[in-house]
Each structure stands twice: as C-alpha cells, then as structure tokens.
Amino acid sequence: MAITKHNGYNNTTKTFFEGRVLEVRKYTARRNMSDTLDYTDVRDVECVDALVWLGTHGVPPYIWDNRPVTRMTDEHSPSYGPQPRELEFHEQFAWIDCSNHFSWRGEDIKTPTVDVDIHGGEPIMWANFIAWKSHQEAETQRQVAEARAKYDERLRLQAEAAKKEAAKEAKDLAKKAEAEKLLAQVVKGNTYTVDGFTGQAFWTGTKKYRGKWQARVGLKNNAGVVAWVDATQVA
C-alpha cells in the first residue's frame, strides 16, 4: 500500500513511495495544535511517521528535530527550494509526517503501510539502507560526543568561575580583616588629634568604598563637632 494520500475535497487518492516504505512509527509527542497557528495550543498527541527510501535521484531531505525529513513528492515546489538531484547514500532515506492532525479542516489524509522487507525491494535500497543506518548511528554518536564536550566545557568554565570567585572572596575577606585589625588598635573614649582636630573616639567601623575596605573612626570634640578619619591616622 505504501503511503496513500486521500483528498477529501475531490475524493481522490494518490499512492507514493510504493515498495519504499521501510518503517512506520507511532509515538506520543508535544505538538502545537493551534487551528490557525497564530497562537500556541501545545498538547500531547499521537504522531505517525513513515521512513521511506527516496531513491538515488530526488529532492534531498532536510533536518528537523535532529533527523532527516521530507514531504510527499507532489508537495515539493518545482520553483522554490532544493531541486531534484543525484543523492548520496546518506540522503536517500527520510521520515514523512503522516499524523493527520489537521484532517478535520481539509488536510489530506496520509496513511502509511510498510510494504517491503529484506526479502523484497531493490537490492540497492537495502545496501544503502544498511549504510544509512550506520551513518545515522555515527552521526548520533557524534552529536552525543559534541553535546558531552559542550557540557564538560560548561562545567569546566563554571568550576573556573567558582574558583576565581572563591579567590576573590578570600582576598576580600583578607582586606576586611586588615581593616578590622587597624580598628582593634583604636580605643573608644580615647582622645586623638588628626590634622589639627582633637576629639574623642566615639565610633569605629569598617565599610567598603569603591571596592576597597576602609577602617573609619569618628571623633567628636568638646563643641560636638564630628570628624571622620581613617584608622591609619590614629592607630
């Protein structure tokens, strides 16, 4: 039976890929079921795909969701997009969506049936199919290795960034400890003179200003005037 496509408007049926349907796969996947596709209506729906042999000459498949896919023969535009040509062995097999999700609004109904096995069909198809499967497996392994390498690199960069951040934090804490050490030498209640201003230390503390830790001391004279000075000036 291959893949039949029934047009409900004129009640006609066409057959495609006769003797070339190698597999029919049914599975559940998330699809946008929006009737006009101008909004999102994602649902888990049953999908149907057919794996077909395109032959040694035809329109090459394109990659969608990491696998080669194509459309029915009469759906290819003769003026736009890839044109028929000689196909490499790894371009000769593709999946066709036969899910019929929008048949209710007039979409052609596609019905796939496996119609060939290892005991039938063209010998070149099977020879190229074996090569194609090996190529697909190798490509999958390449993608897995590439994804793993990217993941490992991301982990390395994260670890490197964490190491730098830890070193930066340790340096910052060391600078803060230096400022606090300076303050330990200042006694609240004692009188200090800085740049001609004499006052009693009533406040001490550390704070960060423009990325640098500072040890500050507040001095107050008998008139109540306050001066803020660096701890290095009184220590």
C-alpha atoms as a PDB file:
ATOM      1  CA  MET A   1       0.000   0.000   0.000  1.00  0.00           C
ATOM      2  CA  ALA A   2       2.987   2.391   0.505  1.00  0.00           C
ATOM      3  CA  ILE A   3       1.670   5.834   1.548  1.00  0.00           C
ATOM      4  CA  THR A   4      -1.770   6.799   0.336  1.00  0.00           C
ATOM      5  CA  LYS A   5      -2.917  10.404   0.376  1.00  0.00           C
ATOM      6  CA  HIS A   6      -6.642  10.998   0.220  1.00  0.00           C
ATOM      7  CA  ASN A   7      -8.011  14.377  -0.819  1.00  0.00           C
ATOM      8  CA  GLY A   8     -11.411  14.912   0.788  1.00  0.00           C
ATOM      9  CA  TYR A   9     -12.390  17.811  -1.489  1.00  0.00           C
ATOM     10  CA  ASN A  10     -12.367  15.864  -4.730  1.00  0.00           C
ATOM     11  CA  ASN A  11     -12.414  12.382  -3.174  1.00  0.00           C
ATOM     12  CA  THR A  12      -9.230  11.248  -4.910  1.00  0.00           C
ATOM     13  CA  THR A  13      -6.424   9.059  -3.604  1.00  0.00           C
ATOM     14  CA  LYS A  14      -2.786   9.003  -4.690  1.00  0.00           C
ATOM     15  CA  THR A  15      -0.111   6.493  -3.798  1.00  0.00           C
ATOM     16  CA  PHE A  16       3.508   7.413  -3.042  1.00  0.00           C
ATOM     17  CA  PHE A  17       6.709   5.506  -2.296  1.00  0.00           C
ATOM     18  CA  GLU A  18       5.314   2.167  -3.359  1.00  0.00           C
ATOM     19  CA  GLY A  19       7.765  -0.566  -2.395  1.00  0.00           C
ATOM     20  CA  ARG A  20       9.804   2.005  -0.429  1.00  0.00           C
ATOM     21  CA  VAL A  21       8.148   2.286   2.979  1.00  0.00           C
ATOM     22  CA  LEU A  22      10.532   0.558   5.384  1.00  0.00           C
ATOM     23  CA  GLU A  23       9.068   1.511   8.755  1.00  0.00           C
ATOM     24  CA  VAL A  24       6.004   3.129  10.341  1.00  0.00           C
ATOM     25  CA  ARG A  25       6.473   4.621  13.780  1.00  0.00           C
ATOM     26  CA  LYS A  26       3.706   5.661  16.185  1.00  0.00           C
ATOM     27  CA  TYR A  27       4.518   7.689  19.269  1.00  0.00           C
ATOM     28  CA  THR A  28       3.216  10.438  21.554  1.00  0.00           C
ATOM     29  CA  ALA A  29       4.774  13.888  21.302  1.00  0.00           C
ATOM     30  CA  ARG A  30       4.032  17.511  22.144  1.00  0.00           C
ATOM     31  CA  ARG A  31       2.709  19.434  19.155  1.00  0.00           C
ATOM     32  CA  ASN A  32       1.163  22.838  18.566  1.00  0.00           C
ATOM     33  CA  MET A  33      -2.449  22.048  17.719  1.00  0.00           C
ATOM     34  CA  SER A  34      -3.461  25.669  17.101  1.00  0.00           C
ATOM     35  CA  ASP A  35      -6.008  25.625  14.289  1.00  0.00           C
ATOM     36  CA  THR A  36      -4.574  28.795  12.708  1.00  0.00           C
ATOM     37  CA  LEU A  37      -1.010  28.511  14.086  1.00  0.00           C
ATOM     38  CA  ASP A  38      -1.135  32.156  15.199  1.00  0.00           C
ATOM     39  CA  TYR A  39      -1.346  31.148  18.859  1.00  0.00           C
ATOM     40  CA  THR A  40       0.027  28.283  20.934  1.00  0.00           C
ATOM     41  CA  ASP A  41      -2.069  25.246  21.818  1.00  0.00           C
ATOM     42  CA  VAL A  42       0.504  22.625  22.807  1.00  0.00           C
ATOM     43  CA  ARG A  43      -0.823  19.147  23.530  1.00  0.00           C
ATOM     44  CA  ASP A  44       0.442  15.573  23.839  1.00  0.00           C
ATOM     45  CA  VAL A  45      -0.892  13.861  20.724  1.00  0.00           C
ATOM     46  CA  GLU A  46      -0.317  10.647  18.826  1.00  0.00           C
ATOM     47  CA  CYS A  47       2.054  11.065  15.909  1.00  0.00           C
ATOM     48  CA  VAL A  48       2.749   8.797  12.961  1.00  0.00           C
ATOM     49  CA  ASP A  49       5.903   8.849  10.845  1.00  0.00           C
ATOM     50  CA  ALA A  50       6.905   6.735   7.873  1.00  0.00           C
ATOM     51  CA  LEU A  51      10.508   6.009   6.914  1.00  0.00           C
ATOM     52  CA  VAL A  52      10.856   5.920   3.137  1.00  0.00           C
ATOM     53  CA  TRP A  53      13.537   5.438   0.517  1.00  0.00           C
ATOM     54  CA  LEU A  54      13.763   8.470  -1.743  1.00  0.00           C
ATOM     55  CA  GLY A  55      15.728   6.645  -4.421  1.00  0.00           C
ATOM     56  CA  THR A  56      19.084   7.596  -5.869  1.00  0.00           C
ATOM     57  CA  HIS A  57      17.698  10.742  -7.502  1.00  0.00           C
ATOM     58  CA  GLY A  58      15.334  13.221  -5.926  1.00  0.00           C
ATOM     59  CA  VAL A  59      14.933  16.166  -3.569  1.00  0.00           C
ATOM     60  CA  PRO A  60      17.298  15.792  -0.594  1.00  0.00           C
ATOM     61  CA  PRO A  61      15.709  15.721   2.857  1.00  0.00           C
ATOM     62  CA  TYR A  62      16.166  18.464   5.412  1.00  0.00           C
ATOM     63  CA  ILE A  63      16.977  18.100   9.094  1.00  0.00           C
ATOM     64  CA  TRP A  64      14.191  18.688  11.598  1.00  0.00           C
ATOM     65  CA  ASP A  65      14.446  17.747  15.252  1.00  0.00           C
ATOM     66  CA  ASN A  66      17.799  16.047  14.552  1.00  0.00           C
ATOM     67  CA  ARG A  67      16.503  13.707  11.874  1.00  0.00           C
ATOM     68  CA  PRO A  68      16.076  13.785   8.090  1.00  0.00           C
ATOM     69  CA  VAL A  69      12.528  14.565   6.982  1.00  0.00           C
ATOM     70  CA  THR A  70      10.810  15.249   3.684  1.00  0.00           C
ATOM     71  CA  ARG A  71       7.390  15.923   2.206  1.00  0.00           C
ATOM     72  CA  MET A  72       5.308  13.908  -0.213  1.00  0.00           C
ATOM     73  CA  THR A  73       6.578  14.071  -3.785  1.00  0.00           C
ATOM     74  CA  ASP A  74       3.777  16.318  -5.082  1.00  0.00           C
ATOM     75  CA  GLU A  75       4.247  18.748  -2.189  1.00  0.00           C
ATOM     76  CA  HIS A  76       7.665  19.883  -3.395  1.00  0.00           C
ATOM     77  CA  SER A  77       7.648  23.183  -5.244  1.00  0.00           C
ATOM     78  CA  PRO A  78       9.140  22.969  -8.756  1.00  0.00           C
ATOM     79  CA  SER A  79      10.339  26.573  -8.496  1.00  0.00           C
ATOM     80  CA  TYR A  80      11.467  27.099  -4.889  1.00  0.00           C
ATOM     81  CA  GLY A  81      13.667  25.213  -2.508  1.00  0.00           C
ATOM     82  CA  PRO A  82      16.008  22.286  -3.245  1.00  0.00           C
ATOM     83  CA  GLN A  83      15.611  20.713  -6.648  1.00  0.00           C
ATOM     84  CA  PRO A  84      15.937  17.010  -7.573  1.00  0.00           C
ATOM     85  CA  ARG A  85      19.495  15.784  -7.995  1.00  0.00           C
ATOM     86  CA  GLU A  86      21.636  12.702  -7.508  1.00  0.00           C
ATOM     87  CA  LEU A  87      21.529  11.751  -3.838  1.00  0.00           C
ATOM     88  CA  GLU A  88      24.336  10.461  -1.658  1.00  0.00           C
ATOM     89  CA  PHE A  89      23.513   7.255   0.245  1.00  0.00           C
ATOM     90  CA  HIS A  90      23.032   9.220   3.489  1.00  0.00           C
ATOM     91  CA  GLU A  91      20.472  11.472   1.749  1.00  0.00           C
ATOM     92  CA  GLN A  92      18.302   8.680   0.381  1.00  0.00           C
ATOM     93  CA  PHE A  93      16.143   7.977   3.431  1.00  0.00           C
ATOM     94  CA  ALA A  94      13.803  10.303   5.286  1.00  0.00           C
ATOM     95  CA  TRP A  95      10.819  10.421   7.610  1.00  0.00           C
ATOM     96  CA  ILE A  96       7.430  11.702   6.454  1.00  0.00           C
ATOM     97  CA  ASP A  97       4.867  13.018   8.922  1.00  0.00           C
ATOM     98  CA  CYS A  98       1.597  11.120   8.488  1.00  0.00           C
ATOM     99  CA  SER A  99      -0.061  12.244  11.720  1.00  0.00           C
ATOM    100  CA  ASN A 100      -3.130  13.862  10.088  1.00  0.00           C
ATOM    101  CA  HIS A 101      -3.568  16.276  12.977  1.00  0.00           C
ATOM    102  CA  PHE A 102      -5.467  18.780  10.861  1.00  0.00           C
ATOM    103  CA  SER A 103      -7.502  16.465   8.658  1.00  0.00           C
ATOM    104  CA  TRP A 104     -10.650  17.964  10.192  1.00  0.00           C
ATOM    105  CA  ARG A 105     -10.016  21.197   8.304  1.00  0.00           C
ATOM    106  CA  GLY A 106      -9.355  19.644   4.930  1.00  0.00           C
ATOM    107  CA  GLU A 107      -5.773  18.451   5.197  1.00  0.00           C
ATOM    108  CA  ASP A 108      -5.058  15.421   3.031  1.00  0.00           C
ATOM    109  CA  ILE A 109      -5.215  12.169   4.984  1.00  0.00           C
ATOM    110  CA  LYS A 110      -1.959  10.205   4.743  1.00  0.00           C
ATOM    111  CA  THR A 111      -1.985   6.505   5.534  1.00  0.00           C
ATOM    112  CA  PRO A 112       1.389   4.737   5.603  1.00  0.00           C
ATOM    113  CA  THR A 113       1.895   0.991   5.369  1.00  0.00           C
ATOM    114  CA  VAL A 114       5.165  -0.919   5.401  1.00  0.00           C
ATOM    115  CA  ASP A 115       5.208  -2.621   2.020  1.00  0.00           C
ATOM    116  CA  VAL A 116       8.718  -4.032   1.701  1.00  0.00           C
ATOM    117  CA  ASP A 117      11.067  -6.232   3.700  1.00  0.00           C
ATOM    118  CA  ILE A 118      14.574  -7.587   3.364  1.00  0.00           C
ATOM    119  CA  HIS A 119      13.326 -10.288   1.011  1.00  0.00           C
ATOM    120  CA  GLY A 120      11.871  -7.790  -1.445  1.00  0.00           C
ATOM    121  CA  GLY A 121      12.521  -4.390  -2.885  1.00  0.00           C
ATOM    122  CA  GLU A 122      15.513  -3.126  -4.813  1.00  0.00           C
ATOM    123  CA  PRO A 123      18.889  -4.517  -3.702  1.00  0.00           C
ATOM    124  CA  ILE A 124      20.484  -1.054  -3.877  1.00  0.00           C
ATOM    125  CA  MET A 125      17.853   0.216  -1.444  1.00  0.00           C
ATOM    126  CA  TRP A 126      18.827  -2.330   1.193  1.00  0.00           C
ATOM    127  CA  ALA A 127      22.549  -1.848   0.622  1.00  0.00           C
ATOM    128  CA  ASN A 128      22.177   1.904   1.026  1.00  0.00           C
ATOM    129  CA  PHE A 129      19.786   1.445   3.957  1.00  0.00           C
ATOM    130  CA  ILE A 130      22.419  -0.512   5.913  1.00  0.00           C
ATOM    131  CA  ALA A 131      24.978   2.200   5.118  1.00  0.00           C
ATOM    132  CA  TRP A 132      22.454   4.892   6.052  1.00  0.00           C
ATOM    133  CA  LYS A 133      21.721   3.304   9.439  1.00  0.00           C
ATOM    134  CA  SER A 134      25.445   3.138  10.201  1.00  0.00           C
ATOM    135  CA  HIS A 135      25.767   6.768   9.139  1.00  0.00           C
ATOM    136  CA  GLN A 136      22.822   7.771  11.367  1.00  0.00           C
ATOM    137  CA  GLU A 137      24.295   5.913  14.337  1.00  0.00           C
ATOM    138  CA  ALA A 138      27.682   7.550  13.752  1.00  0.00           C
ATOM    139  CA  GLU A 139      26.014  10.959  13.475  1.00  0.00           C
ATOM    140  CA  THR A 140      24.088  10.321  16.692  1.00  0.00           C
ATOM    141  CA  GLN A 141      27.305   9.340  18.463  1.00  0.00           C
ATOM    142  CA  ARG A 142      28.975  12.465  17.077  1.00  0.00           C
ATOM    143  CA  GLN A 143      26.141  14.653  18.373  1.00  0.00           C
ATOM    144  CA  VAL A 144      26.247  12.926  21.772  1.00  0.00           C
ATOM    145  CA  ALA A 145      30.026  13.396  21.946  1.00  0.00           C
ATOM    146  CA  GLU A 146      29.659  17.036  20.903  1.00  0.00           C
ATOM    147  CA  ALA A 147      26.937  17.630  23.479  1.00  0.00           C
ATOM    148  CA  ARG A 148      29.062  15.918  26.125  1.00  0.00           C
ATOM    149  CA  ALA A 149      32.074  18.021  25.204  1.00  0.00           C
ATOM    150  CA  LYS A 150      29.986  21.189  25.463  1.00  0.00           C
ATOM    151  CA  TYR A 151      28.612  20.034  28.818  1.00  0.00           C
ATOM    152  CA  ASP A 152      32.093  19.238  30.131  1.00  0.00           C
ATOM    153  CA  GLU A 153      33.351  22.618  28.900  1.00  0.00           C
ATOM    154  CA  ARG A 154      30.455  24.354  30.636  1.00  0.00           C
ATOM    155  CA  LEU A 155      31.291  22.508  33.861  1.00  0.00           C
ATOM    156  CA  ARG A 156      34.956  23.478  33.474  1.00  0.00           C
ATOM    157  CA  LEU A 157      34.075  27.130  32.965  1.00  0.00           C
ATOM    158  CA  GLN A 158      31.702  27.044  35.926  1.00  0.00           C
ATOM    159  CA  ALA A 159      34.378  25.469  38.115  1.00  0.00           C
ATOM    160  CA  GLU A 160      36.906  28.027  36.900  1.00  0.00           C
ATOM    161  CA  ALA A 161      34.496  30.870  37.596  1.00  0.00           C
ATOM    162  CA  ALA A 162      33.725  29.442  41.044  1.00  0.00           C
ATOM    163  CA  LYS A 163      37.448  29.169  41.768  1.00  0.00           C
ATOM    164  CA  LYS A 164      38.023  32.774  40.719  1.00  0.00           C
ATOM    165  CA  GLU A 165      35.040  33.913  42.771  1.00  0.00           C
ATOM    166  CA  ALA A 166      36.332  31.993  45.811  1.00  0.00           C
ATOM    167  CA  ALA A 167      39.793  33.549  45.400  1.00  0.00           C
ATOM    168  CA  LYS A 168      38.211  36.976  45.022  1.00  0.00           C
ATOM    169  CA  GLU A 169      36.085  36.441  48.136  1.00  0.00           C
ATOM    170  CA  ALA A 170      39.118  35.193  50.127  1.00  0.00           C
ATOM    171  CA  LYS A 171      41.104  38.266  49.053  1.00  0.00           C
ATOM    172  CA  ASP A 172      38.195  40.498  50.000  1.00  0.00           C
ATOM    173  CA  LEU A 173      37.903  38.864  53.431  1.00  0.00           C
ATOM    174  CA  ALA A 174      41.652  39.301  53.942  1.00  0.00           C
ATOM    175  CA  LYS A 175      41.364  43.024  53.152  1.00  0.00           C
ATOM    176  CA  LYS A 176      38.434  43.311  55.540  1.00  0.00           C
ATOM    177  CA  ALA A 177      40.473  41.541  58.237  1.00  0.00           C
ATOM    178  CA  GLU A 178      43.305  44.039  57.702  1.00  0.00           C
ATOM    179  CA  ALA A 179      40.867  46.935  58.227  1.00  0.00           C
ATOM    180  CA  GLU A 180      39.443  45.297  61.347  1.00  0.00           C
ATOM    181  CA  LYS A 181      42.983  44.783  62.675  1.00  0.00           C
ATOM    182  CA  LEU A 182      43.586  48.526  62.359  1.00  0.00           C
ATOM    183  CA  LEU A 183      40.404  49.270  64.298  1.00  0.00           C
ATOM    184  CA  ALA A 184      41.494  46.934  67.085  1.00  0.00           C
ATOM    185  CA  GLN A 185      44.237  49.442  67.845  1.00  0.00           C
ATOM    186  CA  VAL A 186      41.739  52.288  68.328  1.00  0.00           C
ATOM    187  CA  VAL A 187      40.195  52.596  71.778  1.00  0.00           C
ATOM    188  CA  LYS A 188      36.777  54.169  72.045  1.00  0.00           C
ATOM    189  CA  GLY A 189      36.767  57.006  74.542  1.00  0.00           C
ATOM    190  CA  ASN A 190      40.397  57.882  73.946  1.00  0.00           C
ATOM    191  CA  THR A 191      41.273  61.287  72.612  1.00  0.00           C
ATOM    192  CA  TYR A 192      43.106  61.609  69.305  1.00  0.00           C
ATOM    193  CA  THR A 193      44.374  64.533  67.245  1.00  0.00           C
ATOM    194  CA  VAL A 194      44.271  64.334  63.445  1.00  0.00           C
ATOM    195  CA  ASP A 195      45.244  67.222  61.169  1.00  0.00           C
ATOM    196  CA  GLY A 196      44.793  69.734  63.995  1.00  0.00           C
ATOM    197  CA  PHE A 197      41.390  68.335  65.082  1.00  0.00           C
ATOM    198  CA  THR A 198      41.232  66.877  68.566  1.00  0.00           C
ATOM    199  CA  GLY A 199      38.319  64.743  69.606  1.00  0.00           C
ATOM    200  CA  GLN A 200      37.240  61.664  71.440  1.00  0.00           C
ATOM    201  CA  ALA A 201      36.737  58.408  69.511  1.00  0.00           C
ATOM    202  CA  PHE A 202      33.032  57.578  69.785  1.00  0.00           C
ATOM    203  CA  TRP A 203      32.571  55.311  66.780  1.00  0.00           C
ATOM    204  CA  THR A 204      34.655  52.767  64.839  1.00  0.00           C
ATOM    205  CA  GLY A 205      33.734  50.562  61.916  1.00  0.00           C
ATOM    206  CA  THR A 206      34.684  49.108  58.556  1.00  0.00           C
ATOM    207  CA  LYS A 207      32.990  49.788  55.274  1.00  0.00           C
ATOM    208  CA  LYS A 208      33.617  49.183  51.608  1.00  0.00           C
ATOM    209  CA  TYR A 209      34.048  52.199  49.371  1.00  0.00           C
ATOM    210  CA  ARG A 210      34.683  51.855  45.648  1.00  0.00           C
ATOM    211  CA  GLY A 211      35.716  48.236  46.100  1.00  0.00           C
ATOM    212  CA  LYS A 212      38.192  48.858  48.917  1.00  0.00           C
ATOM    213  CA  TRP A 213      37.754  48.144  52.631  1.00  0.00           C
ATOM    214  CA  GLN A 214      38.304  51.109  54.920  1.00  0.00           C
ATOM    215  CA  ALA A 215      38.659  51.349  58.677  1.00  0.00           C
ATOM    216  CA  ARG A 216      36.956  54.554  59.835  1.00  0.00           C
ATOM    217  CA  VAL A 217      36.921  56.360  63.156  1.00  0.00           C
ATOM    218  CA  GLY A 218      34.504  59.043  64.344  1.00  0.00           C
ATOM    219  CA  LEU A 219      36.000  61.786  66.530  1.00  0.00           C
ATOM    220  CA  LYS A 220      33.916  64.325  68.456  1.00  0.00           C
ATOM    221  CA  ASN A 221      35.364  67.391  70.144  1.00  0.00           C
ATOM    222  CA  ASN A 222      34.051  69.257  73.180  1.00  0.00           C
ATOM    223  CA  ALA A 223      31.925  71.520  70.963  1.00  0.00           C
ATOM    224  CA  GLY A 224      30.130  68.488  69.477  1.00  0.00           C
ATOM    225  CA  VAL A 225      31.826  68.817  66.100  1.00  0.00           C
ATOM    226  CA  VAL A 226      32.437  65.463  64.438  1.00  0.00           C
ATOM    227  CA  ALA A 227      35.275  64.469  62.138  1.00  0.00           C
ATOM    228  CA  TRP A 228      35.563  61.184  60.260  1.00  0.00           C
ATOM    229  CA  VAL A 229      39.112  59.951  59.810  1.00  0.00           C
ATOM    230  CA  ASP A 230      40.931  56.864  58.600  1.00  0.00           C
ATOM    231  CA  ALA A 231      42.060  54.486  61.318  1.00  0.00           C
ATOM    232  CA  THR A 232      45.621  54.658  59.997  1.00  0.00           C
ATOM    233  CA  GLN A 233      45.683  58.286  61.146  1.00  0.00           C
ATOM    234  CA  VAL A 234      45.016  57.414  64.783  1.00  0.00           C
ATOM    235  CA  ALA A 235      46.454  53.903  65.128  1.00  0.00           C
END
